[in-house]
């Protein structure tokens, strides 16, 4: 590891081998375990544990008191809020070893997980999805979905900029009032329109 191009606070531990990208910052009392891959420009807050084999993309932000367990993959630009919770075994027992039964959880590009949310393992979070504070995720979350409650339910959709989308009367379906991006629902999946001109030409 090249310790010249990223920052590790003196109270934190980084086990070898692991890969850490340039400009990443690892703050107080955190532990990065072996065989992790951490991308460029990440920010890992206080009292964070990154378990063996975890993969973090570029520009991932992890707030304080988060444990990212083996089996979790966070793609680029993911935000993990304070004290959010991952799991990796569906039926844990302290007296039974189930390390060969870890279930993978993928948090898609640009997704945000709110403070104190819980993600039951084996369920993926779609790109730019938003899991509200305290939500409990017990099934896959589609791209751009806004999920709240216990168990988590979809109550709407959010723009890639993080603001809630509003339904529109025109053919593009959903619109962001902040950045003016537009979206359509196709086969129960929200997709971003590339341009309004393209939509008009396709009519």
N, C-alpha and C. Protein backbone atom coordinates (compact mmCIF):
# COMPACT_ATOMS: atom_id res chain seq x y z
N UNK A 1 0.84 -1.20 0.00
CA UNK A 1 0.00 0.00 0.00
C UNK A 1 0.88 1.25 0.00
N UNK A 2 0.48 2.20 -0.80
CA UNK A 2 1.19 3.47 -0.83
C UNK A 2 0.54 4.43 0.15
N UNK A 3 1.21 4.71 1.26
CA UNK A 3 0.61 5.52 2.31
C UNK A 3 0.77 7.02 2.06
N UNK A 4 1.25 7.38 0.92
CA UNK A 4 1.46 8.79 0.63
C UNK A 4 0.25 9.46 -0.03
N UNK A 5 -0.66 8.67 -0.60
CA UNK A 5 -1.73 9.29 -1.37
C UNK A 5 -3.10 9.16 -0.75
N UNK A 6 -3.18 8.73 0.52
CA UNK A 6 -4.45 8.73 1.24
C UNK A 6 -4.14 8.97 2.71
N UNK A 7 -5.20 9.25 3.50
CA UNK A 7 -5.00 9.63 4.91
C UNK A 7 -5.61 8.58 5.84
N UNK A 8 -4.86 8.19 6.86
CA UNK A 8 -5.36 7.31 7.91
C UNK A 8 -5.06 7.96 9.26
N UNK A 9 -6.08 8.20 10.06
CA UNK A 9 -5.86 8.76 11.38
C UNK A 9 -5.04 7.79 12.22
N UNK A 10 -4.23 8.32 13.10
CA UNK A 10 -3.31 7.49 13.87
C UNK A 10 -4.02 6.50 14.80
N UNK A 11 -5.29 6.73 15.11
CA UNK A 11 -6.03 5.82 15.99
C UNK A 11 -6.68 4.67 15.23
N UNK A 12 -6.58 4.65 13.92
CA UNK A 12 -7.22 3.62 13.11
C UNK A 12 -6.23 2.54 12.68
N UNK A 13 -6.77 1.40 12.28
CA UNK A 13 -5.96 0.26 11.86
C UNK A 13 -6.33 -0.16 10.45
N UNK A 14 -5.33 -0.46 9.66
CA UNK A 14 -5.52 -0.99 8.32
C UNK A 14 -4.72 -2.28 8.21
N UNK A 15 -5.42 -3.40 8.04
CA UNK A 15 -4.75 -4.69 7.91
C UNK A 15 -4.29 -4.89 6.47
N UNK A 16 -3.23 -5.65 6.31
CA UNK A 16 -2.73 -5.96 4.98
C UNK A 16 -2.98 -7.43 4.65
N UNK A 17 -3.22 -7.73 3.35
CA UNK A 17 -3.22 -6.76 2.24
C UNK A 17 -4.61 -6.14 2.05
N UNK A 18 -4.63 -4.93 1.54
CA UNK A 18 -5.86 -4.30 1.08
C UNK A 18 -5.46 -3.17 0.13
N UNK A 19 -6.44 -2.68 -0.61
CA UNK A 19 -6.20 -1.62 -1.58
C UNK A 19 -7.01 -0.39 -1.19
N UNK A 20 -6.34 0.75 -1.15
CA UNK A 20 -7.00 2.00 -0.80
C UNK A 20 -6.64 3.04 -1.85
N UNK A 21 -7.67 3.66 -2.44
CA UNK A 21 -7.46 4.60 -3.51
C UNK A 21 -6.97 5.97 -3.04
N UNK A 22 -6.44 6.71 -3.98
CA UNK A 22 -5.92 8.05 -3.70
C UNK A 22 -7.00 8.96 -3.14
N UNK A 23 -6.58 9.85 -2.24
CA UNK A 23 -7.44 10.88 -1.65
C UNK A 23 -8.53 10.33 -0.74
N UNK A 24 -8.48 9.08 -0.40
CA UNK A 24 -9.42 8.52 0.59
C UNK A 24 -8.97 8.93 1.99
N UNK A 25 -9.96 9.16 2.86
CA UNK A 25 -9.68 9.55 4.25
C UNK A 25 -10.36 8.56 5.20
N UNK A 26 -9.58 8.07 6.17
CA UNK A 26 -10.08 7.13 7.17
C UNK A 26 -9.88 7.79 8.53
N UNK A 27 -10.99 8.05 9.22
CA UNK A 27 -10.95 8.86 10.43
C UNK A 27 -10.81 8.01 11.69
N UNK A 28 -11.09 8.61 12.86
CA UNK A 28 -10.73 8.06 14.16
C UNK A 28 -11.35 6.69 14.44
N UNK A 29 -10.55 5.81 15.06
CA UNK A 29 -10.99 4.56 15.67
C UNK A 29 -11.66 3.60 14.67
N UNK A 30 -11.27 3.66 13.42
CA UNK A 30 -11.83 2.76 12.41
C UNK A 30 -10.87 1.60 12.14
N UNK A 31 -11.43 0.53 11.57
CA UNK A 31 -10.63 -0.67 11.31
C UNK A 31 -10.96 -1.17 9.91
N UNK A 32 -9.95 -1.16 9.05
CA UNK A 32 -10.08 -1.69 7.69
C UNK A 32 -9.40 -3.05 7.70
N UNK A 33 -10.16 -4.11 7.44
CA UNK A 33 -9.62 -5.46 7.54
C UNK A 33 -9.05 -5.93 6.21
N UNK A 34 -8.41 -7.07 6.22
CA UNK A 34 -7.64 -7.52 5.06
C UNK A 34 -8.53 -7.80 3.85
N UNK A 35 -7.89 -7.70 2.70
CA UNK A 35 -8.51 -8.02 1.41
C UNK A 35 -9.65 -7.09 1.02
N UNK A 36 -9.70 -5.91 1.60
CA UNK A 36 -10.70 -4.91 1.19
C UNK A 36 -10.20 -4.15 -0.03
N UNK A 37 -11.15 -3.67 -0.80
CA UNK A 37 -10.86 -2.78 -1.92
C UNK A 37 -11.64 -1.50 -1.71
N UNK A 38 -10.94 -0.41 -1.54
CA UNK A 38 -11.55 0.89 -1.29
C UNK A 38 -11.11 1.84 -2.39
N UNK A 39 -12.07 2.49 -3.02
CA UNK A 39 -11.79 3.30 -4.20
C UNK A 39 -11.19 4.66 -3.89
N UNK A 40 -11.18 5.48 -4.91
CA UNK A 40 -10.60 6.82 -4.85
C UNK A 40 -11.59 7.78 -4.19
N UNK A 41 -11.07 8.68 -3.37
CA UNK A 41 -11.86 9.77 -2.83
C UNK A 41 -12.93 9.37 -1.85
N UNK A 42 -12.77 8.25 -1.16
CA UNK A 42 -13.76 7.83 -0.17
C UNK A 42 -13.53 8.56 1.15
N UNK A 43 -14.59 8.63 1.96
CA UNK A 43 -14.49 9.24 3.28
C UNK A 43 -15.11 8.27 4.29
N UNK A 44 -14.30 7.74 5.17
CA UNK A 44 -14.73 6.73 6.13
C UNK A 44 -14.67 7.35 7.51
N UNK A 45 -15.83 7.48 8.14
CA UNK A 45 -15.95 8.24 9.38
C UNK A 45 -15.41 7.52 10.60
N UNK A 46 -15.79 8.05 11.75
CA UNK A 46 -15.29 7.54 13.02
C UNK A 46 -15.97 6.23 13.39
N UNK A 47 -15.17 5.30 13.96
CA UNK A 47 -15.69 4.04 14.49
C UNK A 47 -16.38 3.21 13.42
N UNK A 48 -15.76 3.10 12.27
CA UNK A 48 -16.27 2.30 11.16
C UNK A 48 -15.42 1.03 11.04
N UNK A 49 -16.09 -0.10 10.79
CA UNK A 49 -15.40 -1.36 10.53
C UNK A 49 -15.72 -1.80 9.11
N UNK A 50 -14.68 -2.06 8.33
CA UNK A 50 -14.82 -2.61 6.99
C UNK A 50 -14.28 -4.03 7.06
N UNK A 51 -15.15 -5.03 6.94
CA UNK A 51 -14.78 -6.42 7.14
C UNK A 51 -14.03 -6.99 5.94
N UNK A 52 -13.40 -8.15 6.10
CA UNK A 52 -12.59 -8.72 5.02
C UNK A 52 -13.36 -8.92 3.73
N UNK A 53 -12.72 -8.54 2.62
CA UNK A 53 -13.28 -8.78 1.30
C UNK A 53 -14.32 -7.79 0.84
N UNK A 54 -14.61 -6.77 1.63
CA UNK A 54 -15.59 -5.76 1.23
C UNK A 54 -15.03 -4.91 0.09
N UNK A 55 -15.91 -4.52 -0.82
CA UNK A 55 -15.52 -3.67 -1.95
C UNK A 55 -16.29 -2.36 -1.90
N UNK A 56 -15.57 -1.26 -1.88
CA UNK A 56 -16.16 0.08 -1.95
C UNK A 56 -15.68 0.75 -3.23
N UNK A 57 -16.61 1.35 -3.98
CA UNK A 57 -16.24 2.06 -5.19
C UNK A 57 -15.62 3.41 -4.89
N UNK A 58 -15.58 4.27 -5.89
CA UNK A 58 -15.03 5.61 -5.73
C UNK A 58 -16.06 6.54 -5.08
N UNK A 59 -15.55 7.49 -4.29
CA UNK A 59 -16.36 8.56 -3.69
C UNK A 59 -17.46 8.01 -2.79
N UNK A 60 -17.21 6.91 -2.11
CA UNK A 60 -18.16 6.38 -1.13
C UNK A 60 -17.99 7.13 0.18
N UNK A 61 -19.11 7.55 0.78
CA UNK A 61 -19.08 8.27 2.05
C UNK A 61 -19.74 7.40 3.12
N UNK A 62 -18.99 7.09 4.18
CA UNK A 62 -19.51 6.28 5.27
C UNK A 62 -19.46 7.12 6.54
N UNK A 63 -20.61 7.35 7.14
CA UNK A 63 -20.68 8.15 8.36
C UNK A 63 -20.32 7.31 9.59
N UNK A 64 -20.36 7.91 10.75
CA UNK A 64 -19.86 7.27 11.96
C UNK A 64 -20.65 6.02 12.35
N UNK A 65 -19.95 5.08 12.98
CA UNK A 65 -20.55 3.91 13.63
C UNK A 65 -21.23 2.94 12.67
N UNK A 66 -20.63 2.72 11.52
CA UNK A 66 -21.16 1.77 10.54
C UNK A 66 -20.20 0.59 10.42
N UNK A 67 -20.76 -0.63 10.42
CA UNK A 67 -19.99 -1.84 10.15
C UNK A 67 -20.42 -2.39 8.81
N UNK A 68 -19.48 -2.49 7.88
CA UNK A 68 -19.75 -3.00 6.54
C UNK A 68 -19.19 -4.41 6.49
N UNK A 69 -20.08 -5.39 6.50
CA UNK A 69 -19.65 -6.77 6.68
C UNK A 69 -19.30 -7.46 5.37
N UNK A 70 -18.54 -8.55 5.50
CA UNK A 70 -18.17 -9.37 4.35
C UNK A 70 -19.41 -9.75 3.55
N UNK A 71 -19.33 -9.58 2.24
CA UNK A 71 -20.47 -9.84 1.37
C UNK A 71 -21.12 -8.57 0.84
N UNK A 72 -20.74 -7.41 1.41
CA UNK A 72 -21.31 -6.14 0.97
C UNK A 72 -20.43 -5.52 -0.12
N UNK A 73 -21.08 -5.04 -1.16
CA UNK A 73 -20.42 -4.30 -2.23
C UNK A 73 -21.11 -2.95 -2.35
N UNK A 74 -20.37 -1.88 -2.25
CA UNK A 74 -20.90 -0.53 -2.46
C UNK A 74 -20.29 0.02 -3.74
N UNK A 75 -21.13 0.35 -4.71
CA UNK A 75 -20.64 0.91 -5.96
C UNK A 75 -20.29 2.39 -5.78
N UNK A 76 -19.88 3.05 -6.85
CA UNK A 76 -19.44 4.45 -6.77
C UNK A 76 -20.52 5.35 -6.18
N UNK A 77 -20.09 6.37 -5.43
CA UNK A 77 -20.95 7.46 -4.97
C UNK A 77 -22.02 7.03 -3.98
N UNK A 78 -21.85 5.92 -3.30
CA UNK A 78 -22.80 5.48 -2.28
C UNK A 78 -22.60 6.30 -1.00
N UNK A 79 -23.73 6.57 -0.33
CA UNK A 79 -23.71 7.26 0.97
C UNK A 79 -24.32 6.33 2.01
N UNK A 80 -23.58 6.08 3.08
CA UNK A 80 -24.06 5.26 4.19
C UNK A 80 -24.19 6.16 5.42
N UNK A 81 -25.42 6.37 5.88
CA UNK A 81 -25.68 7.28 6.98
C UNK A 81 -25.24 6.74 8.33
N UNK A 82 -25.22 7.59 9.35
CA UNK A 82 -24.72 7.20 10.67
C UNK A 82 -25.46 5.99 11.23
N UNK A 83 -24.68 5.03 11.71
CA UNK A 83 -25.20 3.86 12.42
C UNK A 83 -26.15 2.99 11.60
N UNK A 84 -26.10 3.09 10.27
CA UNK A 84 -26.89 2.15 9.48
C UNK A 84 -26.27 0.76 9.64
N UNK A 85 -27.10 -0.28 9.40
CA UNK A 85 -26.72 -1.63 9.78
C UNK A 85 -26.81 -2.58 8.59
N UNK A 86 -25.74 -3.31 8.36
CA UNK A 86 -25.73 -4.41 7.39
C UNK A 86 -25.74 -5.74 8.16
N UNK A 87 -26.21 -6.78 7.48
CA UNK A 87 -26.06 -8.14 8.00
C UNK A 87 -25.50 -8.99 6.88
N UNK A 88 -25.05 -10.20 7.19
CA UNK A 88 -24.59 -11.08 6.11
C UNK A 88 -24.99 -12.54 6.29
N UNK A 89 -25.70 -12.85 7.38
CA UNK A 89 -26.26 -14.19 7.58
C UNK A 89 -27.73 -14.04 7.92
N UNK A 90 -28.58 -14.85 7.28
CA UNK A 90 -30.02 -14.70 7.44
C UNK A 90 -30.53 -15.36 8.72
N UNK A 91 -29.80 -16.37 9.23
CA UNK A 91 -30.28 -17.12 10.40
C UNK A 91 -29.14 -17.38 11.38
N UNK A 92 -28.56 -16.33 11.95
CA UNK A 92 -27.37 -16.50 12.79
C UNK A 92 -27.64 -17.24 14.09
N UNK A 93 -26.68 -18.05 14.47
CA UNK A 93 -26.62 -18.67 15.80
C UNK A 93 -25.19 -18.54 16.29
N UNK A 94 -25.02 -18.17 17.54
CA UNK A 94 -23.66 -17.97 18.06
C UNK A 94 -22.87 -19.27 18.09
N UNK A 95 -23.56 -20.42 18.16
CA UNK A 95 -22.87 -21.71 18.29
C UNK A 95 -22.74 -22.45 16.96
N UNK A 96 -23.13 -21.80 15.84
CA UNK A 96 -23.00 -22.43 14.53
C UNK A 96 -22.21 -21.52 13.61
N UNK A 97 -21.15 -22.03 13.01
CA UNK A 97 -20.35 -21.27 12.06
C UNK A 97 -21.06 -21.25 10.70
N UNK A 98 -21.34 -20.07 10.18
CA UNK A 98 -22.03 -19.97 8.89
C UNK A 98 -21.28 -19.05 7.93
N UNK A 99 -19.96 -19.04 8.04
CA UNK A 99 -19.18 -18.17 7.17
C UNK A 99 -19.29 -18.57 5.70
N UNK A 100 -19.65 -19.81 5.43
CA UNK A 100 -19.83 -20.23 4.04
C UNK A 100 -21.24 -19.96 3.54
N UNK A 101 -22.05 -19.29 4.36
CA UNK A 101 -23.43 -18.99 3.99
C UNK A 101 -23.68 -17.48 3.87
N UNK A 102 -22.61 -16.69 3.86
CA UNK A 102 -22.80 -15.25 3.74
C UNK A 102 -23.59 -14.91 2.48
N UNK A 103 -24.52 -13.98 2.60
CA UNK A 103 -25.31 -13.54 1.46
C UNK A 103 -24.84 -12.16 1.01
N UNK A 104 -24.73 -12.00 -0.29
CA UNK A 104 -24.21 -10.76 -0.85
C UNK A 104 -25.27 -9.67 -0.85
N UNK A 105 -24.85 -8.46 -0.57
CA UNK A 105 -25.69 -7.26 -0.68
C UNK A 105 -24.95 -6.24 -1.53
N UNK A 106 -25.59 -5.79 -2.61
CA UNK A 106 -24.98 -4.79 -3.48
C UNK A 106 -25.76 -3.48 -3.33
N UNK A 107 -25.05 -2.42 -2.99
CA UNK A 107 -25.64 -1.08 -2.92
C UNK A 107 -25.23 -0.36 -4.20
N UNK A 108 -26.20 -0.06 -5.05
CA UNK A 108 -25.92 0.46 -6.38
C UNK A 108 -25.39 1.88 -6.40
N UNK A 109 -24.85 2.24 -7.53
CA UNK A 109 -24.24 3.56 -7.74
C UNK A 109 -25.16 4.69 -7.29
N UNK A 110 -24.61 5.59 -6.49
CA UNK A 110 -25.33 6.79 -6.10
C UNK A 110 -26.41 6.62 -5.06
N UNK A 111 -26.61 5.40 -4.55
CA UNK A 111 -27.67 5.16 -3.56
C UNK A 111 -27.30 5.76 -2.21
N UNK A 112 -28.33 6.11 -1.43
CA UNK A 112 -28.13 6.64 -0.09
C UNK A 112 -28.90 5.80 0.92
N UNK A 113 -28.24 5.46 2.02
CA UNK A 113 -28.85 4.71 3.11
C UNK A 113 -28.91 5.63 4.32
N UNK A 114 -30.12 5.86 4.84
CA UNK A 114 -30.30 6.81 5.93
C UNK A 114 -29.81 6.29 7.27
N UNK A 115 -29.71 7.22 8.22
CA UNK A 115 -29.24 6.89 9.57
C UNK A 115 -30.11 5.81 10.20
N UNK A 116 -29.45 4.84 10.83
CA UNK A 116 -30.10 3.77 11.58
C UNK A 116 -30.95 2.83 10.73
N UNK A 117 -30.85 2.89 9.42
CA UNK A 117 -31.53 1.93 8.57
C UNK A 117 -30.87 0.56 8.71
N UNK A 118 -31.65 -0.50 8.50
CA UNK A 118 -31.15 -1.86 8.57
C UNK A 118 -31.39 -2.56 7.24
N UNK A 119 -30.33 -3.17 6.69
CA UNK A 119 -30.44 -3.89 5.43
C UNK A 119 -30.25 -5.38 5.70
N UNK A 120 -31.34 -6.13 5.57
CA UNK A 120 -31.25 -7.58 5.73
C UNK A 120 -30.49 -8.13 4.52
N UNK A 121 -29.54 -9.01 4.77
CA UNK A 121 -28.62 -9.45 3.73
C UNK A 121 -29.34 -10.20 2.61
N UNK A 122 -28.69 -10.20 1.44
CA UNK A 122 -29.23 -10.90 0.28
C UNK A 122 -30.17 -10.06 -0.56
N UNK A 123 -30.33 -8.79 -0.21
CA UNK A 123 -31.21 -7.90 -0.96
C UNK A 123 -30.40 -6.72 -1.48
N UNK A 124 -30.58 -6.39 -2.74
CA UNK A 124 -29.79 -5.35 -3.38
C UNK A 124 -30.52 -4.01 -3.39
N UNK A 125 -29.75 -2.95 -3.34
CA UNK A 125 -30.27 -1.58 -3.38
C UNK A 125 -29.94 -1.01 -4.75
N UNK A 126 -30.95 -0.58 -5.50
CA UNK A 126 -30.75 -0.09 -6.85
C UNK A 126 -30.02 1.24 -6.89
N UNK A 127 -29.56 1.61 -8.08
CA UNK A 127 -28.82 2.85 -8.24
C UNK A 127 -29.71 4.06 -7.92
N UNK A 128 -29.12 5.00 -7.22
CA UNK A 128 -29.76 6.25 -6.82
C UNK A 128 -30.99 6.05 -5.95
N UNK A 129 -31.20 4.86 -5.43
CA UNK A 129 -32.29 4.64 -4.49
C UNK A 129 -32.01 5.39 -3.19
N UNK A 130 -33.06 5.60 -2.41
CA UNK A 130 -32.93 6.33 -1.15
C UNK A 130 -33.68 5.55 -0.07
N UNK A 131 -32.95 5.02 0.89
CA UNK A 131 -33.53 4.29 2.01
C UNK A 131 -33.59 5.25 3.18
N UNK A 132 -34.80 5.55 3.65
CA UNK A 132 -34.98 6.55 4.68
C UNK A 132 -34.43 6.12 6.03
N UNK A 133 -34.24 7.08 6.91
CA UNK A 133 -33.72 6.83 8.25
C UNK A 133 -34.61 5.84 8.99
N UNK A 134 -33.99 4.83 9.58
CA UNK A 134 -34.71 3.86 10.38
C UNK A 134 -35.45 2.79 9.61
N UNK A 135 -35.41 2.81 8.29
CA UNK A 135 -36.11 1.81 7.49
C UNK A 135 -35.46 0.45 7.65
N UNK A 136 -36.26 -0.61 7.45
CA UNK A 136 -35.75 -1.98 7.49
C UNK A 136 -36.01 -2.61 6.12
N UNK A 137 -34.93 -2.87 5.39
CA UNK A 137 -35.03 -3.38 4.03
C UNK A 137 -35.05 -4.91 4.07
N UNK A 138 -36.15 -5.50 3.57
CA UNK A 138 -36.32 -6.95 3.60
C UNK A 138 -36.49 -7.53 2.19
N UNK A 139 -36.33 -6.70 1.16
CA UNK A 139 -36.39 -7.17 -0.22
C UNK A 139 -35.63 -6.20 -1.10
N UNK A 140 -35.41 -6.58 -2.35
CA UNK A 140 -34.67 -5.72 -3.27
C UNK A 140 -35.35 -4.36 -3.41
N UNK A 141 -34.54 -3.33 -3.55
CA UNK A 141 -35.03 -1.96 -3.75
C UNK A 141 -34.69 -1.54 -5.18
N UNK A 142 -35.68 -1.15 -5.99
CA UNK A 142 -35.41 -0.78 -7.38
C UNK A 142 -34.62 0.53 -7.50
N UNK A 143 -34.09 0.78 -8.68
CA UNK A 143 -33.42 2.04 -8.97
C UNK A 143 -34.35 3.21 -8.65
N UNK A 144 -33.79 4.25 -8.05
CA UNK A 144 -34.47 5.52 -7.79
C UNK A 144 -35.61 5.42 -6.77
N UNK A 145 -35.85 4.26 -6.17
CA UNK A 145 -36.97 4.10 -5.24
C UNK A 145 -36.69 4.80 -3.91
N UNK A 146 -37.75 5.34 -3.32
CA UNK A 146 -37.70 5.93 -1.98
C UNK A 146 -38.41 4.96 -1.04
N UNK A 147 -37.65 4.43 -0.08
CA UNK A 147 -38.15 3.38 0.80
C UNK A 147 -38.11 3.87 2.25
N UNK A 148 -39.23 3.69 2.96
CA UNK A 148 -39.29 4.07 4.38
C UNK A 148 -40.04 2.99 5.15
N UNK A 149 -39.89 2.99 6.47
CA UNK A 149 -40.71 2.16 7.33
C UNK A 149 -40.14 0.79 7.62
N UNK A 150 -40.89 0.04 8.46
CA UNK A 150 -40.53 -1.31 8.86
C UNK A 150 -41.75 -2.21 8.76
N UNK A 151 -41.76 -3.16 7.80
CA UNK A 151 -40.74 -3.36 6.76
C UNK A 151 -40.75 -2.23 5.75
N UNK A 152 -39.62 -2.04 5.07
CA UNK A 152 -39.50 -0.95 4.12
C UNK A 152 -40.49 -1.06 2.96
N UNK A 153 -41.11 0.05 2.62
CA UNK A 153 -42.04 0.10 1.50
C UNK A 153 -41.70 1.28 0.60
N UNK A 154 -41.94 1.11 -0.68
CA UNK A 154 -41.70 2.18 -1.64
C UNK A 154 -42.84 3.19 -1.55
N UNK A 155 -42.49 4.45 -1.26
CA UNK A 155 -43.53 5.49 -1.18
C UNK A 155 -43.37 6.52 -2.29
N UNK A 156 -42.39 6.34 -3.16
CA UNK A 156 -42.16 7.28 -4.24
C UNK A 156 -40.81 7.01 -4.87
N UNK A 157 -40.34 8.03 -5.62
CA UNK A 157 -39.07 7.89 -6.33
C UNK A 157 -38.28 9.19 -6.19
N UNK A 158 -36.97 9.07 -6.30
CA UNK A 158 -36.10 10.22 -6.15
C UNK A 158 -35.23 10.39 -7.39
N UNK A 159 -34.83 11.63 -7.63
CA UNK A 159 -33.93 11.97 -8.72
C UNK A 159 -32.50 11.55 -8.36
N UNK A 160 -31.66 11.47 -9.34
CA UNK A 160 -30.24 11.19 -9.06
C UNK A 160 -29.62 12.28 -8.19
N UNK A 161 -30.23 13.48 -8.16
CA UNK A 161 -29.72 14.55 -7.31
C UNK A 161 -30.21 14.43 -5.87
N UNK A 162 -31.13 13.46 -5.62
CA UNK A 162 -31.57 13.19 -4.25
C UNK A 162 -32.91 13.78 -3.88
N UNK A 163 -33.51 14.58 -4.75
CA UNK A 163 -34.80 15.18 -4.45
C UNK A 163 -35.93 14.28 -4.95
N UNK A 164 -37.05 14.37 -4.26
CA UNK A 164 -38.19 13.51 -4.59
C UNK A 164 -38.81 13.92 -5.92
N UNK A 165 -39.10 12.92 -6.75
CA UNK A 165 -39.71 13.18 -8.05
C UNK A 165 -41.21 13.40 -7.90
N UNK A 166 -41.73 14.23 -8.78
CA UNK A 166 -43.17 14.48 -8.83
C UNK A 166 -43.75 13.90 -10.11
N UNK A 167 -44.94 13.35 -10.02
CA UNK A 167 -45.59 12.85 -11.21
C UNK A 167 -45.92 14.01 -12.13
N UNK A 168 -45.79 13.76 -13.43
CA UNK A 168 -46.07 14.79 -14.42
C UNK A 168 -47.21 14.33 -15.31
N UNK A 169 -47.97 15.29 -15.81
CA UNK A 169 -49.08 14.98 -16.71
C UNK A 169 -48.61 14.68 -18.12
N UNK A 170 -47.39 15.11 -18.45
CA UNK A 170 -46.88 14.88 -19.79
C UNK A 170 -46.23 13.50 -19.87
N UNK A 171 -45.79 13.13 -21.06
CA UNK A 171 -45.45 11.73 -21.31
C UNK A 171 -44.18 11.24 -20.62
N UNK A 172 -43.38 12.14 -20.04
CA UNK A 172 -42.16 11.64 -19.41
C UNK A 172 -42.41 11.10 -18.01
N UNK A 173 -43.59 11.25 -17.45
CA UNK A 173 -43.96 10.51 -16.26
C UNK A 173 -43.60 11.14 -14.93
N UNK A 174 -42.30 11.40 -14.71
CA UNK A 174 -41.84 11.99 -13.45
C UNK A 174 -40.85 13.11 -13.76
N UNK A 175 -40.83 14.11 -12.87
CA UNK A 175 -39.94 15.25 -13.08
C UNK A 175 -39.35 15.70 -11.75
N UNK A 176 -38.08 16.12 -11.80
CA UNK A 176 -37.43 16.73 -10.64
C UNK A 176 -37.56 18.24 -10.75
N UNK A 177 -38.16 18.88 -9.76
CA UNK A 177 -38.34 20.33 -9.77
C UNK A 177 -37.05 21.08 -9.46
N UNK A 178 -36.01 20.36 -9.03
CA UNK A 178 -34.76 21.02 -8.66
C UNK A 178 -33.79 21.08 -9.84
N UNK A 179 -33.58 19.94 -10.51
CA UNK A 179 -32.61 19.91 -11.61
C UNK A 179 -33.25 19.70 -12.98
N UNK A 180 -34.59 19.55 -13.00
CA UNK A 180 -35.36 19.42 -14.25
C UNK A 180 -35.14 18.12 -15.00
N UNK A 181 -34.49 17.13 -14.40
CA UNK A 181 -34.40 15.84 -15.06
C UNK A 181 -35.78 15.19 -15.10
N UNK A 182 -36.01 14.37 -16.13
CA UNK A 182 -37.29 13.69 -16.27
C UNK A 182 -37.08 12.19 -16.36
N UNK A 183 -38.11 11.46 -15.96
CA UNK A 183 -38.02 10.01 -15.85
C UNK A 183 -39.31 9.36 -16.35
N UNK A 184 -39.20 8.11 -16.75
CA UNK A 184 -40.35 7.30 -17.11
C UNK A 184 -40.31 5.98 -16.36
N UNK A 185 -41.49 5.39 -16.18
CA UNK A 185 -41.55 4.05 -15.62
C UNK A 185 -41.79 3.07 -16.76
N UNK A 186 -40.85 2.14 -16.92
CA UNK A 186 -40.92 1.14 -17.98
C UNK A 186 -40.77 -0.23 -17.34
N UNK A 187 -41.79 -1.06 -17.49
CA UNK A 187 -41.77 -2.41 -16.90
C UNK A 187 -41.45 -2.35 -15.40
N UNK A 188 -42.16 -1.45 -14.71
CA UNK A 188 -42.03 -1.29 -13.26
C UNK A 188 -40.66 -0.77 -12.83
N UNK A 189 -39.91 -0.22 -13.75
CA UNK A 189 -38.58 0.30 -13.45
C UNK A 189 -38.51 1.77 -13.88
N UNK A 190 -37.99 2.62 -13.00
CA UNK A 190 -37.81 4.04 -13.33
C UNK A 190 -36.51 4.19 -14.11
N UNK A 191 -36.59 4.89 -15.24
CA UNK A 191 -35.40 5.18 -16.03
C UNK A 191 -35.36 6.67 -16.34
N UNK A 192 -34.15 7.21 -16.42
CA UNK A 192 -33.99 8.63 -16.72
C UNK A 192 -34.10 8.87 -18.21
N UNK A 193 -34.87 9.88 -18.60
CA UNK A 193 -34.94 10.28 -20.00
C UNK A 193 -33.66 11.01 -20.38
N UNK A 194 -33.15 10.72 -21.56
CA UNK A 194 -31.92 11.36 -22.01
C UNK A 194 -32.15 12.80 -22.43
N UNK A 195 -33.29 13.06 -23.06
CA UNK A 195 -33.62 14.45 -23.43
C UNK A 195 -35.09 14.52 -23.80
N UNK A 196 -35.69 15.67 -23.60
CA UNK A 196 -37.10 15.86 -23.97
C UNK A 196 -37.25 15.83 -25.49
N UNK A 197 -36.22 16.32 -26.18
CA UNK A 197 -36.29 16.34 -27.63
C UNK A 197 -36.38 14.91 -28.18
N UNK A 198 -35.64 14.00 -27.57
CA UNK A 198 -35.67 12.60 -28.01
C UNK A 198 -37.04 12.01 -27.80
N UNK A 199 -37.68 12.35 -26.66
CA UNK A 199 -39.03 11.84 -26.41
C UNK A 199 -40.00 12.31 -27.48
N UNK A 200 -39.93 13.59 -27.81
CA UNK A 200 -40.82 14.15 -28.82
C UNK A 200 -40.61 13.47 -30.15
N UNK A 201 -39.37 13.19 -30.50
CA UNK A 201 -39.08 12.57 -31.79
C UNK A 201 -39.61 11.14 -31.84
N UNK A 202 -39.70 10.50 -30.67
CA UNK A 202 -40.17 9.10 -30.64
C UNK A 202 -41.67 9.00 -30.67
N UNK A 203 -42.38 10.09 -30.46
CA UNK A 203 -43.84 10.03 -30.37
C UNK A 203 -44.46 9.69 -31.72
